Amino acid sequence: MGTDIHIVAEFYKNDCWHLAELELTHDRNYRAFAILADVRNGYGFAGFSTGDVLTPISEPRGLPDDMSPELRAKLEPKTDAEDNAVDGLYLGDHSFSWVTLKELLDYDLDVPVTVGGYVTEETARRYRETGETPNTWAAWTPQPGFERIEWQKPIRQMASLIPRLIEEISILGDPQNVRLVFGFDD
């Protein structure tokens, strides 16, 4: 079972927030979730360690009180004649929060983070001999032929969703007046 993010962008203009009509990247990236709202921070499925715990920008803040009227309207459930949900926006079911573009830009993504996971014995051998870090790994596996190792990579590489989101929302204006609003589901 995995955790996914549901995310939108807003920008501040003319004394209020407005919903940005952007299609944002929303990959499953637990290191990014840890930075955004302390979600899946240092552990994977069933609580297995995935390496260092990261300092989040903040604990979940909830949905912003001053959210855009467009976002508020899209979050209100709409139903058809048979009371079936239609035409709404789903932001998940837990850990609702928001961060500004400025907060994302101020976060040091170049700090190395320790990553840990189970890799094939061949991958572990190659890492010990050459320093080549794994591209894929599992938080845990009961299968024979796997070994748990730890290595380091810059947060930027492990939380690759963050630089992509920064790029996508930078077009919206002043970093203090641009934010992401999001939630998660399991």
N, C-alpha and C. Protein backbone atom coordinates (compact mmCIF):
# COMPACT_ATOMS: atom_id res chain seq x y z
N MET A 1 0.85 -1.17 0.00
CA MET A 1 0.00 0.00 0.00
C MET A 1 0.89 1.24 0.00
N GLY A 2 0.56 2.22 -0.81
CA GLY A 2 1.37 3.41 -0.91
C GLY A 2 0.61 4.65 -0.55
N THR A 3 1.34 5.72 -0.41
CA THR A 3 0.78 7.04 -0.12
C THR A 3 0.96 7.90 -1.36
N ASP A 4 -0.07 8.65 -1.72
CA ASP A 4 -0.02 9.54 -2.87
C ASP A 4 -0.35 10.96 -2.43
N ILE A 5 0.15 11.93 -3.20
CA ILE A 5 -0.12 13.34 -2.95
C ILE A 5 -1.16 13.84 -3.95
N HIS A 6 -2.00 14.76 -3.49
CA HIS A 6 -2.98 15.45 -4.34
C HIS A 6 -2.68 16.93 -4.14
N ILE A 7 -2.42 17.64 -5.23
CA ILE A 7 -1.78 18.94 -5.10
C ILE A 7 -2.28 19.93 -6.15
N VAL A 8 -2.43 21.19 -5.71
CA VAL A 8 -2.78 22.30 -6.60
C VAL A 8 -1.90 23.49 -6.25
N ALA A 9 -1.87 24.48 -7.13
CA ALA A 9 -1.10 25.70 -6.88
C ALA A 9 -2.06 26.89 -6.83
N GLU A 10 -1.69 27.86 -6.01
CA GLU A 10 -2.42 29.13 -5.93
C GLU A 10 -1.42 30.28 -6.03
N PHE A 11 -1.91 31.43 -6.48
CA PHE A 11 -1.10 32.64 -6.52
C PHE A 11 -1.90 33.80 -5.95
N TYR A 12 -1.20 34.76 -5.33
CA TYR A 12 -1.84 35.90 -4.68
C TYR A 12 -1.78 37.11 -5.59
N LYS A 13 -2.95 37.67 -5.87
CA LYS A 13 -3.03 38.84 -6.76
C LYS A 13 -4.32 39.58 -6.43
N ASN A 14 -4.25 40.92 -6.47
CA ASN A 14 -5.43 41.76 -6.20
C ASN A 14 -6.07 41.42 -4.85
N ASP A 15 -5.25 41.29 -3.84
CA ASP A 15 -5.69 41.09 -2.45
C ASP A 15 -6.39 39.77 -2.15
N CYS A 16 -6.19 38.76 -3.01
CA CYS A 16 -6.73 37.44 -2.66
C CYS A 16 -5.99 36.35 -3.45
N TRP A 17 -6.16 35.13 -2.97
CA TRP A 17 -5.55 33.97 -3.63
C TRP A 17 -6.41 33.50 -4.79
N HIS A 18 -5.77 32.98 -5.83
CA HIS A 18 -6.45 32.46 -7.01
C HIS A 18 -5.90 31.08 -7.32
N LEU A 19 -6.75 30.20 -7.76
CA LEU A 19 -6.34 28.85 -8.16
C LEU A 19 -5.64 28.92 -9.50
N ALA A 20 -4.44 28.36 -9.58
CA ALA A 20 -3.70 28.32 -10.84
C ALA A 20 -4.18 27.13 -11.66
N GLU A 21 -4.40 27.34 -12.90
CA GLU A 21 -4.82 26.25 -13.79
C GLU A 21 -3.58 25.57 -14.36
N LEU A 22 -2.88 24.85 -13.50
CA LEU A 22 -1.67 24.13 -13.89
C LEU A 22 -1.86 22.65 -13.64
N GLU A 23 -1.31 21.85 -14.51
CA GLU A 23 -1.25 20.40 -14.29
C GLU A 23 0.09 20.12 -13.62
N LEU A 24 0.07 19.87 -12.33
CA LEU A 24 1.31 19.69 -11.57
C LEU A 24 1.73 18.23 -11.52
N THR A 25 3.04 18.03 -11.47
CA THR A 25 3.58 16.70 -11.26
C THR A 25 3.16 16.22 -9.88
N HIS A 26 2.77 14.98 -9.77
CA HIS A 26 2.35 14.46 -8.46
C HIS A 26 2.84 13.03 -8.24
N ASP A 27 4.10 12.81 -8.59
CA ASP A 27 4.70 11.49 -8.43
C ASP A 27 4.72 11.07 -6.96
N ARG A 28 4.73 9.76 -6.74
CA ARG A 28 4.91 9.22 -5.40
C ARG A 28 6.39 9.34 -5.07
N ASN A 29 6.72 10.23 -4.13
CA ASN A 29 8.10 10.51 -3.79
C ASN A 29 8.16 10.80 -2.28
N TYR A 30 8.44 9.76 -1.50
CA TYR A 30 8.34 9.87 -0.05
C TYR A 30 9.31 10.88 0.55
N ARG A 31 10.48 11.07 -0.02
CA ARG A 31 11.40 12.09 0.50
C ARG A 31 10.79 13.48 0.33
N ALA A 32 10.13 13.72 -0.80
CA ALA A 32 9.44 15.00 -1.00
C ALA A 32 8.29 15.14 -0.02
N PHE A 33 7.55 14.07 0.21
CA PHE A 33 6.42 14.12 1.15
C PHE A 33 6.93 14.46 2.55
N ALA A 34 8.11 13.92 2.90
CA ALA A 34 8.72 14.21 4.20
C ALA A 34 9.04 15.70 4.32
N ILE A 35 9.58 16.29 3.26
CA ILE A 35 9.93 17.71 3.27
C ILE A 35 8.67 18.57 3.33
N LEU A 36 7.66 18.22 2.58
CA LEU A 36 6.44 19.04 2.51
C LEU A 36 5.63 19.02 3.78
N ALA A 37 5.51 17.84 4.44
CA ALA A 37 4.58 17.77 5.58
C ALA A 37 4.89 16.63 6.55
N ASP A 38 6.12 16.15 6.57
CA ASP A 38 6.52 15.10 7.51
C ASP A 38 5.72 13.80 7.30
N VAL A 39 5.37 13.51 6.05
CA VAL A 39 4.63 12.30 5.71
C VAL A 39 5.62 11.26 5.18
N ARG A 40 5.52 10.01 5.67
CA ARG A 40 6.40 8.89 5.30
C ARG A 40 7.87 9.29 5.45
N ASN A 41 8.18 9.93 6.55
CA ASN A 41 9.49 10.49 6.79
C ASN A 41 10.44 9.46 7.40
N GLY A 42 11.26 8.83 6.56
CA GLY A 42 12.25 7.88 7.02
C GLY A 42 11.76 6.45 7.15
N TYR A 43 10.53 6.20 6.70
CA TYR A 43 10.02 4.84 6.76
C TYR A 43 9.13 4.56 5.56
N GLY A 44 9.02 3.31 5.22
CA GLY A 44 8.19 2.89 4.11
C GLY A 44 7.04 2.03 4.61
N PHE A 45 6.52 1.22 3.73
CA PHE A 45 5.40 0.33 4.04
C PHE A 45 5.71 -0.48 5.30
N ALA A 46 4.76 -0.60 6.18
CA ALA A 46 4.85 -1.39 7.42
C ALA A 46 5.92 -0.85 8.37
N GLY A 47 6.36 0.39 8.17
CA GLY A 47 7.27 1.01 9.11
C GLY A 47 8.74 0.68 8.95
N PHE A 48 9.14 0.04 7.84
CA PHE A 48 10.54 -0.30 7.64
C PHE A 48 11.35 0.96 7.33
N SER A 49 12.53 1.08 7.94
CA SER A 49 13.38 2.25 7.77
C SER A 49 13.85 2.38 6.32
N THR A 50 13.80 3.62 5.83
CA THR A 50 14.31 3.92 4.49
C THR A 50 15.49 4.90 4.55
N GLY A 51 15.98 5.17 5.76
CA GLY A 51 17.12 6.06 5.91
C GLY A 51 16.82 7.23 6.81
N ASP A 52 17.61 8.29 6.65
CA ASP A 52 17.51 9.47 7.51
C ASP A 52 16.11 10.08 7.51
N VAL A 53 15.73 10.59 8.67
CA VAL A 53 14.52 11.41 8.80
C VAL A 53 14.91 12.82 8.39
N LEU A 54 14.11 13.45 7.54
CA LEU A 54 14.38 14.80 7.06
C LEU A 54 13.62 15.83 7.89
N THR A 55 14.14 17.04 7.93
CA THR A 55 13.45 18.14 8.60
C THR A 55 12.38 18.66 7.65
N PRO A 56 11.11 18.57 8.03
CA PRO A 56 10.07 19.09 7.13
C PRO A 56 10.01 20.62 7.16
N ILE A 57 9.48 21.19 6.10
CA ILE A 57 9.24 22.63 6.08
C ILE A 57 8.31 22.99 7.23
N SER A 58 7.31 22.16 7.44
CA SER A 58 6.42 22.32 8.59
C SER A 58 5.65 21.03 8.80
N GLU A 59 5.11 20.89 9.99
CA GLU A 59 4.14 19.84 10.22
C GLU A 59 2.90 20.22 9.41
N PRO A 60 1.99 19.30 9.13
CA PRO A 60 0.80 19.66 8.36
C PRO A 60 0.07 20.86 8.99
N ARG A 61 -0.21 21.84 8.16
CA ARG A 61 -0.83 23.10 8.60
C ARG A 61 -2.35 23.11 8.44
N GLY A 62 -2.88 22.12 7.77
CA GLY A 62 -4.29 22.16 7.42
C GLY A 62 -4.47 22.95 6.14
N LEU A 63 -5.68 22.96 5.64
CA LEU A 63 -5.96 23.77 4.45
C LEU A 63 -5.94 25.24 4.84
N PRO A 64 -5.45 26.11 3.96
CA PRO A 64 -5.36 27.53 4.33
C PRO A 64 -6.73 28.16 4.53
N ASP A 65 -6.86 28.95 5.59
CA ASP A 65 -8.12 29.65 5.86
C ASP A 65 -8.47 30.62 4.74
N ASP A 66 -7.43 31.15 4.09
CA ASP A 66 -7.64 32.16 3.05
C ASP A 66 -7.52 31.57 1.64
N MET A 67 -7.86 30.28 1.50
CA MET A 67 -7.74 29.66 0.17
C MET A 67 -8.60 30.39 -0.85
N SER A 68 -8.24 30.22 -2.09
CA SER A 68 -8.94 30.89 -3.18
C SER A 68 -10.40 30.46 -3.23
N PRO A 69 -11.28 31.37 -3.64
CA PRO A 69 -12.69 31.00 -3.80
C PRO A 69 -12.86 29.85 -4.81
N GLU A 70 -12.00 29.82 -5.83
CA GLU A 70 -12.10 28.75 -6.84
C GLU A 70 -11.78 27.39 -6.21
N LEU A 71 -10.75 27.34 -5.38
CA LEU A 71 -10.39 26.08 -4.73
C LEU A 71 -11.47 25.68 -3.74
N ARG A 72 -11.95 26.62 -2.95
CA ARG A 72 -13.01 26.32 -1.98
C ARG A 72 -14.24 25.73 -2.68
N ALA A 73 -14.61 26.32 -3.81
CA ALA A 73 -15.78 25.82 -4.55
C ALA A 73 -15.53 24.42 -5.10
N LYS A 74 -14.32 24.15 -5.56
CA LYS A 74 -14.02 22.82 -6.11
C LYS A 74 -13.93 21.76 -5.03
N LEU A 75 -13.63 22.15 -3.80
CA LEU A 75 -13.54 21.18 -2.71
C LEU A 75 -14.91 20.82 -2.13
N GLU A 76 -15.89 21.69 -2.33
CA GLU A 76 -17.24 21.39 -1.85
C GLU A 76 -17.83 20.27 -2.68
N PRO A 77 -18.31 19.23 -2.03
CA PRO A 77 -18.85 18.11 -2.80
C PRO A 77 -20.08 18.51 -3.60
N LYS A 78 -20.09 18.09 -4.85
CA LYS A 78 -21.24 18.34 -5.72
C LYS A 78 -21.84 16.98 -6.07
N THR A 79 -23.12 16.92 -6.17
CA THR A 79 -23.79 15.66 -6.48
C THR A 79 -24.77 15.83 -7.62
N ASP A 80 -25.05 14.72 -8.28
CA ASP A 80 -26.06 14.74 -9.33
C ASP A 80 -27.41 14.38 -8.71
N ALA A 81 -28.41 14.18 -9.53
CA ALA A 81 -29.77 13.90 -9.05
C ALA A 81 -29.84 12.64 -8.18
N GLU A 82 -28.93 11.70 -8.40
CA GLU A 82 -28.92 10.46 -7.61
C GLU A 82 -27.92 10.53 -6.44
N ASP A 83 -27.47 11.73 -6.09
CA ASP A 83 -26.50 11.94 -5.01
C ASP A 83 -25.16 11.25 -5.24
N ASN A 84 -24.74 11.15 -6.49
CA ASN A 84 -23.41 10.65 -6.80
C ASN A 84 -22.46 11.84 -6.87
N ALA A 85 -21.27 11.69 -6.31
CA ALA A 85 -20.29 12.77 -6.34
C ALA A 85 -19.85 13.04 -7.78
N VAL A 86 -19.84 14.30 -8.15
CA VAL A 86 -19.40 14.71 -9.48
C VAL A 86 -18.60 16.00 -9.39
N ASP A 87 -17.70 16.20 -10.35
CA ASP A 87 -17.02 17.47 -10.56
C ASP A 87 -16.46 18.12 -9.30
N GLY A 88 -15.78 17.37 -8.50
CA GLY A 88 -15.13 17.94 -7.32
C GLY A 88 -13.63 17.79 -7.44
N LEU A 89 -12.92 18.33 -6.49
CA LEU A 89 -11.47 18.19 -6.43
C LEU A 89 -11.14 17.43 -5.16
N TYR A 90 -10.34 16.40 -5.28
CA TYR A 90 -9.96 15.57 -4.14
C TYR A 90 -8.53 15.92 -3.74
N LEU A 91 -8.35 16.29 -2.48
CA LEU A 91 -7.03 16.60 -1.97
C LEU A 91 -6.58 15.56 -0.94
N GLY A 92 -7.08 14.34 -1.07
CA GLY A 92 -6.67 13.29 -0.15
C GLY A 92 -7.53 13.25 1.09
N ASP A 93 -7.04 12.49 2.09
CA ASP A 93 -7.83 12.34 3.31
C ASP A 93 -7.03 12.58 4.59
N HIS A 94 -5.77 13.01 4.47
CA HIS A 94 -5.00 13.32 5.68
C HIS A 94 -3.82 14.24 5.37
N SER A 95 -3.27 14.79 6.43
CA SER A 95 -2.05 15.61 6.38
C SER A 95 -2.18 16.78 5.40
N PHE A 96 -3.32 17.46 5.42
CA PHE A 96 -3.52 18.61 4.56
C PHE A 96 -2.57 19.73 4.97
N SER A 97 -2.01 20.42 3.97
CA SER A 97 -1.06 21.47 4.29
C SER A 97 -0.86 22.37 3.08
N TRP A 98 0.04 23.32 3.23
CA TRP A 98 0.42 24.21 2.15
C TRP A 98 1.83 24.73 2.44
N VAL A 99 2.56 25.06 1.38
CA VAL A 99 3.88 25.68 1.48
C VAL A 99 4.00 26.71 0.38
N THR A 100 4.77 27.76 0.67
CA THR A 100 5.00 28.78 -0.36
C THR A 100 6.19 28.37 -1.23
N LEU A 101 6.23 28.95 -2.40
CA LEU A 101 7.37 28.75 -3.28
C LEU A 101 8.65 29.24 -2.59
N LYS A 102 8.56 30.33 -1.84
CA LYS A 102 9.74 30.83 -1.12
C LYS A 102 10.26 29.78 -0.15
N GLU A 103 9.38 29.11 0.58
CA GLU A 103 9.81 28.07 1.51
C GLU A 103 10.50 26.92 0.77
N LEU A 104 9.98 26.57 -0.39
CA LEU A 104 10.62 25.52 -1.18
C LEU A 104 12.00 25.95 -1.66
N LEU A 105 12.11 27.20 -2.12
CA LEU A 105 13.39 27.70 -2.61
C LEU A 105 14.42 27.82 -1.48
N ASP A 106 13.96 28.11 -0.27
CA ASP A 106 14.86 28.27 0.88
C ASP A 106 15.34 26.93 1.45
N TYR A 107 14.68 25.84 1.12
CA TYR A 107 15.05 24.53 1.66
C TYR A 107 16.34 24.06 0.98
N ASP A 108 17.33 23.64 1.77
CA ASP A 108 18.62 23.22 1.22
C ASP A 108 18.52 21.80 0.67
N LEU A 109 18.39 21.71 -0.64
CA LEU A 109 18.25 20.41 -1.31
C LEU A 109 19.59 19.76 -1.61
N ASP A 110 20.68 20.43 -1.30
CA ASP A 110 21.99 19.88 -1.62
C ASP A 110 22.65 19.12 -0.46
N VAL A 111 21.99 19.08 0.69
CA VAL A 111 22.50 18.33 1.83
C VAL A 111 22.40 16.84 1.52
N PRO A 112 23.45 16.08 1.84
CA PRO A 112 23.35 14.63 1.61
C PRO A 112 22.43 13.97 2.63
N VAL A 113 21.73 12.94 2.19
CA VAL A 113 20.85 12.17 3.05
C VAL A 113 21.24 10.70 2.94
N THR A 114 21.20 10.00 4.06
CA THR A 114 21.47 8.57 4.05
C THR A 114 20.20 7.83 3.65
N VAL A 115 20.36 6.94 2.70
CA VAL A 115 19.26 6.13 2.18
C VAL A 115 19.58 4.68 2.49
N GLY A 116 18.57 3.91 2.82
CA GLY A 116 18.80 2.50 3.09
C GLY A 116 17.73 1.65 2.47
N GLY A 117 18.12 0.47 2.02
CA GLY A 117 17.14 -0.44 1.45
C GLY A 117 17.77 -1.76 1.06
N TYR A 118 16.91 -2.67 0.67
CA TYR A 118 17.34 -4.00 0.22
C TYR A 118 17.56 -3.97 -1.28
N VAL A 119 18.74 -4.47 -1.67
CA VAL A 119 19.12 -4.54 -3.09
C VAL A 119 19.61 -5.96 -3.37
N THR A 120 19.73 -6.30 -4.63
CA THR A 120 20.26 -7.61 -4.97
C THR A 120 21.70 -7.71 -4.46
N GLU A 121 22.15 -8.92 -4.22
CA GLU A 121 23.52 -9.12 -3.76
C GLU A 121 24.52 -8.55 -4.78
N GLU A 122 24.22 -8.66 -6.07
CA GLU A 122 25.09 -8.11 -7.12
C GLU A 122 25.17 -6.59 -7.01
N THR A 123 24.04 -5.93 -6.79
CA THR A 123 24.03 -4.47 -6.63
C THR A 123 24.82 -4.06 -5.40
N ALA A 124 24.68 -4.81 -4.30
CA ALA A 124 25.42 -4.51 -3.07
C ALA A 124 26.93 -4.68 -3.30
N ARG A 125 27.32 -5.73 -4.00
CA ARG A 125 28.73 -5.96 -4.30
C ARG A 125 29.28 -4.81 -5.15
N ARG A 126 28.53 -4.42 -6.19
CA ARG A 126 28.96 -3.34 -7.07
C ARG A 126 29.10 -2.02 -6.29
N TYR A 127 28.19 -1.78 -5.35
CA TYR A 127 28.27 -0.58 -4.53
C TYR A 127 29.54 -0.59 -3.68
N ARG A 128 29.83 -1.70 -3.05
CA ARG A 128 31.03 -1.79 -2.22
C ARG A 128 32.32 -1.65 -3.04
N GLU A 129 32.32 -2.19 -4.25
CA GLU A 129 33.53 -2.16 -5.08
C GLU A 129 33.73 -0.84 -5.83
N THR A 130 32.64 -0.24 -6.30
CA THR A 130 32.78 0.95 -7.17
C THR A 130 32.14 2.22 -6.60
N GLY A 131 31.29 2.07 -5.59
CA GLY A 131 30.58 3.23 -5.05
C GLY A 131 29.33 3.57 -5.85
N GLU A 132 29.01 2.77 -6.87
CA GLU A 132 27.81 3.02 -7.68
C GLU A 132 26.57 2.79 -6.81
N THR A 133 25.77 3.87 -6.65
CA THR A 133 24.59 3.77 -5.80
C THR A 133 23.44 3.12 -6.55
N PRO A 134 22.58 2.43 -5.84
CA PRO A 134 21.44 1.75 -6.49
C PRO A 134 20.45 2.73 -7.10
N ASN A 135 19.82 2.30 -8.17
CA ASN A 135 18.72 3.06 -8.77
C ASN A 135 17.37 2.61 -8.23
N THR A 136 17.30 1.34 -7.83
CA THR A 136 16.07 0.80 -7.26
C THR A 136 16.42 -0.03 -6.03
N TRP A 137 15.47 -0.07 -5.10
CA TRP A 137 15.64 -0.85 -3.87
C TRP A 137 14.28 -1.03 -3.23
N ALA A 138 14.22 -1.88 -2.25
CA ALA A 138 12.99 -2.13 -1.51
C ALA A 138 13.23 -1.79 -0.04
N ALA A 139 12.20 -1.30 0.63
CA ALA A 139 12.33 -1.02 2.06
C ALA A 139 12.56 -2.32 2.83
N TRP A 140 11.98 -3.42 2.31
CA TRP A 140 12.14 -4.72 2.94
C TRP A 140 11.73 -5.80 1.94
N THR A 141 12.34 -6.97 2.05
CA THR A 141 11.93 -8.12 1.25
C THR A 141 12.29 -9.39 2.00
N PRO A 142 11.44 -10.39 1.95
CA PRO A 142 11.76 -11.67 2.58
C PRO A 142 12.50 -12.61 1.62
N GLN A 143 12.67 -12.20 0.39
CA GLN A 143 13.26 -13.06 -0.63
C GLN A 143 14.76 -13.23 -0.41
N PRO A 144 15.27 -14.43 -0.66
CA PRO A 144 16.73 -14.63 -0.57
C PRO A 144 17.42 -13.91 -1.73
N GLY A 145 18.71 -13.65 -1.55
CA GLY A 145 19.49 -13.00 -2.61
C GLY A 145 19.47 -11.49 -2.52
N PHE A 146 18.94 -10.94 -1.43
CA PHE A 146 18.91 -9.50 -1.22
C PHE A 146 19.66 -9.16 0.05
N GLU A 147 20.20 -7.94 0.08
CA GLU A 147 21.00 -7.50 1.21
C GLU A 147 20.64 -6.03 1.48
N ARG A 148 20.61 -5.64 2.76
CA ARG A 148 20.33 -4.25 3.10
C ARG A 148 21.65 -3.48 3.14
N ILE A 149 21.66 -2.35 2.43
CA ILE A 149 22.82 -1.46 2.45
C ILE A 149 22.35 -0.03 2.68
N GLU A 150 23.29 0.85 2.97
CA GLU A 150 23.00 2.28 3.11
C GLU A 150 24.00 3.05 2.25
N TRP A 151 23.56 4.18 1.71
CA TRP A 151 24.41 5.03 0.89
C TRP A 151 23.89 6.46 1.02
N GLN A 152 24.61 7.40 0.46
CA GLN A 152 24.19 8.79 0.53
C GLN A 152 24.00 9.39 -0.85
N LYS A 153 23.01 10.28 -0.92
CA LYS A 153 22.74 11.07 -2.12
C LYS A 153 22.22 12.43 -1.67
N PRO A 154 22.38 13.46 -2.48
CA PRO A 154 21.81 14.76 -2.13
C PRO A 154 20.28 14.67 -2.07
N ILE A 155 19.69 15.41 -1.14
CA ILE A 155 18.23 15.43 -1.02
C ILE A 155 17.60 15.73 -2.38
N ARG A 156 18.20 16.62 -3.15
CA ARG A 156 17.67 17.00 -4.47
C ARG A 156 17.39 15.78 -5.34
N GLN A 157 18.26 14.78 -5.29
CA GLN A 157 18.06 13.57 -6.09
C GLN A 157 17.00 12.66 -5.48
N MET A 158 16.97 12.60 -4.15
CA MET A 158 16.02 11.70 -3.49
C MET A 158 14.62 12.31 -3.42
N ALA A 159 14.53 13.62 -3.39
CA ALA A 159 13.24 14.32 -3.34
C ALA A 159 13.02 15.04 -4.66
N SER A 160 13.19 14.34 -5.76
CA SER A 160 13.19 14.95 -7.09
C SER A 160 11.87 15.64 -7.45
N LEU A 161 10.81 15.31 -6.74
CA LEU A 161 9.52 15.98 -6.98
C LEU A 161 9.63 17.47 -6.64
N ILE A 162 10.39 17.83 -5.62
CA ILE A 162 10.48 19.23 -5.18
C ILE A 162 11.06 20.13 -6.28
N PRO A 163 12.22 19.82 -6.87
CA PRO A 163 12.71 20.70 -7.95
C PRO A 163 11.75 20.81 -9.13
N ARG A 164 11.05 19.71 -9.44
CA ARG A 164 10.08 19.77 -10.56
C ARG A 164 8.92 20.70 -10.22
N LEU A 165 8.42 20.61 -8.98
CA LEU A 165 7.32 21.50 -8.58
C LEU A 165 7.78 22.95 -8.56
N ILE A 166 8.99 23.20 -8.07
CA ILE A 166 9.53 24.57 -8.08
C ILE A 166 9.53 25.12 -9.50
N GLU A 167 10.01 24.32 -10.43
CA GLU A 167 10.04 24.76 -11.83
C GLU A 167 8.63 25.03 -12.36
N GLU A 168 7.70 24.16 -12.04
CA GLU A 168 6.33 24.30 -12.57
C GLU A 168 5.60 25.52 -12.02
N ILE A 169 5.82 25.87 -10.75
CA ILE A 169 5.07 27.00 -10.18
C ILE A 169 5.82 28.32 -10.20
N SER A 170 7.09 28.31 -10.57
CA SER A 170 7.87 29.56 -10.62
C SER A 170 7.29 30.57 -11.59
N ILE A 171 6.55 30.11 -12.57
CA ILE A 171 5.96 31.02 -13.56
C ILE A 171 4.82 31.86 -12.99
N LEU A 172 4.37 31.53 -11.78
CA LEU A 172 3.19 32.18 -11.21
C LEU A 172 3.48 33.50 -10.50
N GLY A 173 4.75 33.85 -10.32
CA GLY A 173 5.04 35.14 -9.72
C GLY A 173 6.00 35.10 -8.55
N ASP A 174 5.90 36.14 -7.72
CA ASP A 174 6.75 36.32 -6.55
C ASP A 174 6.66 35.10 -5.64
N PRO A 175 7.81 34.50 -5.28
CA PRO A 175 7.79 33.27 -4.46
C PRO A 175 7.00 33.36 -3.16
N GLN A 176 6.88 34.56 -2.59
CA GLN A 176 6.07 34.70 -1.37
C GLN A 176 4.58 34.67 -1.67
N ASN A 177 4.23 34.88 -2.94
CA ASN A 177 2.82 34.95 -3.33
C ASN A 177 2.39 33.77 -4.19
N VAL A 178 3.13 32.69 -4.07
CA VAL A 178 2.80 31.45 -4.79
C VAL A 178 2.87 30.32 -3.77
N ARG A 179 1.88 29.45 -3.79
CA ARG A 179 1.92 28.33 -2.84
C ARG A 179 1.31 27.08 -3.44
N LEU A 180 1.70 25.97 -2.84
CA LEU A 180 1.10 24.67 -3.13
C LEU A 180 0.16 24.33 -2.00
N VAL A 181 -0.98 23.77 -2.33
CA VAL A 181 -1.95 23.28 -1.34
C VAL A 181 -2.12 21.81 -1.64
N PHE A 182 -2.07 20.97 -0.61
CA PHE A 182 -2.04 19.53 -0.87
C PHE A 182 -2.54 18.72 0.32
N GLY A 183 -2.77 17.47 0.03
CA GLY A 183 -3.09 16.47 1.03
C GLY A 183 -2.63 15.12 0.52
N PHE A 184 -2.79 14.09 1.32
CA PHE A 184 -2.28 12.76 1.00
C PHE A 184 -3.36 11.73 1.23
N ASP A 185 -3.21 10.59 0.56
CA ASP A 185 -4.06 9.44 0.83
C ASP A 185 -3.19 8.20 0.95
N ASP A 186 -3.74 7.19 1.57
CA ASP A 186 -3.03 5.91 1.70
C ASP A 186 -3.75 4.85 0.92
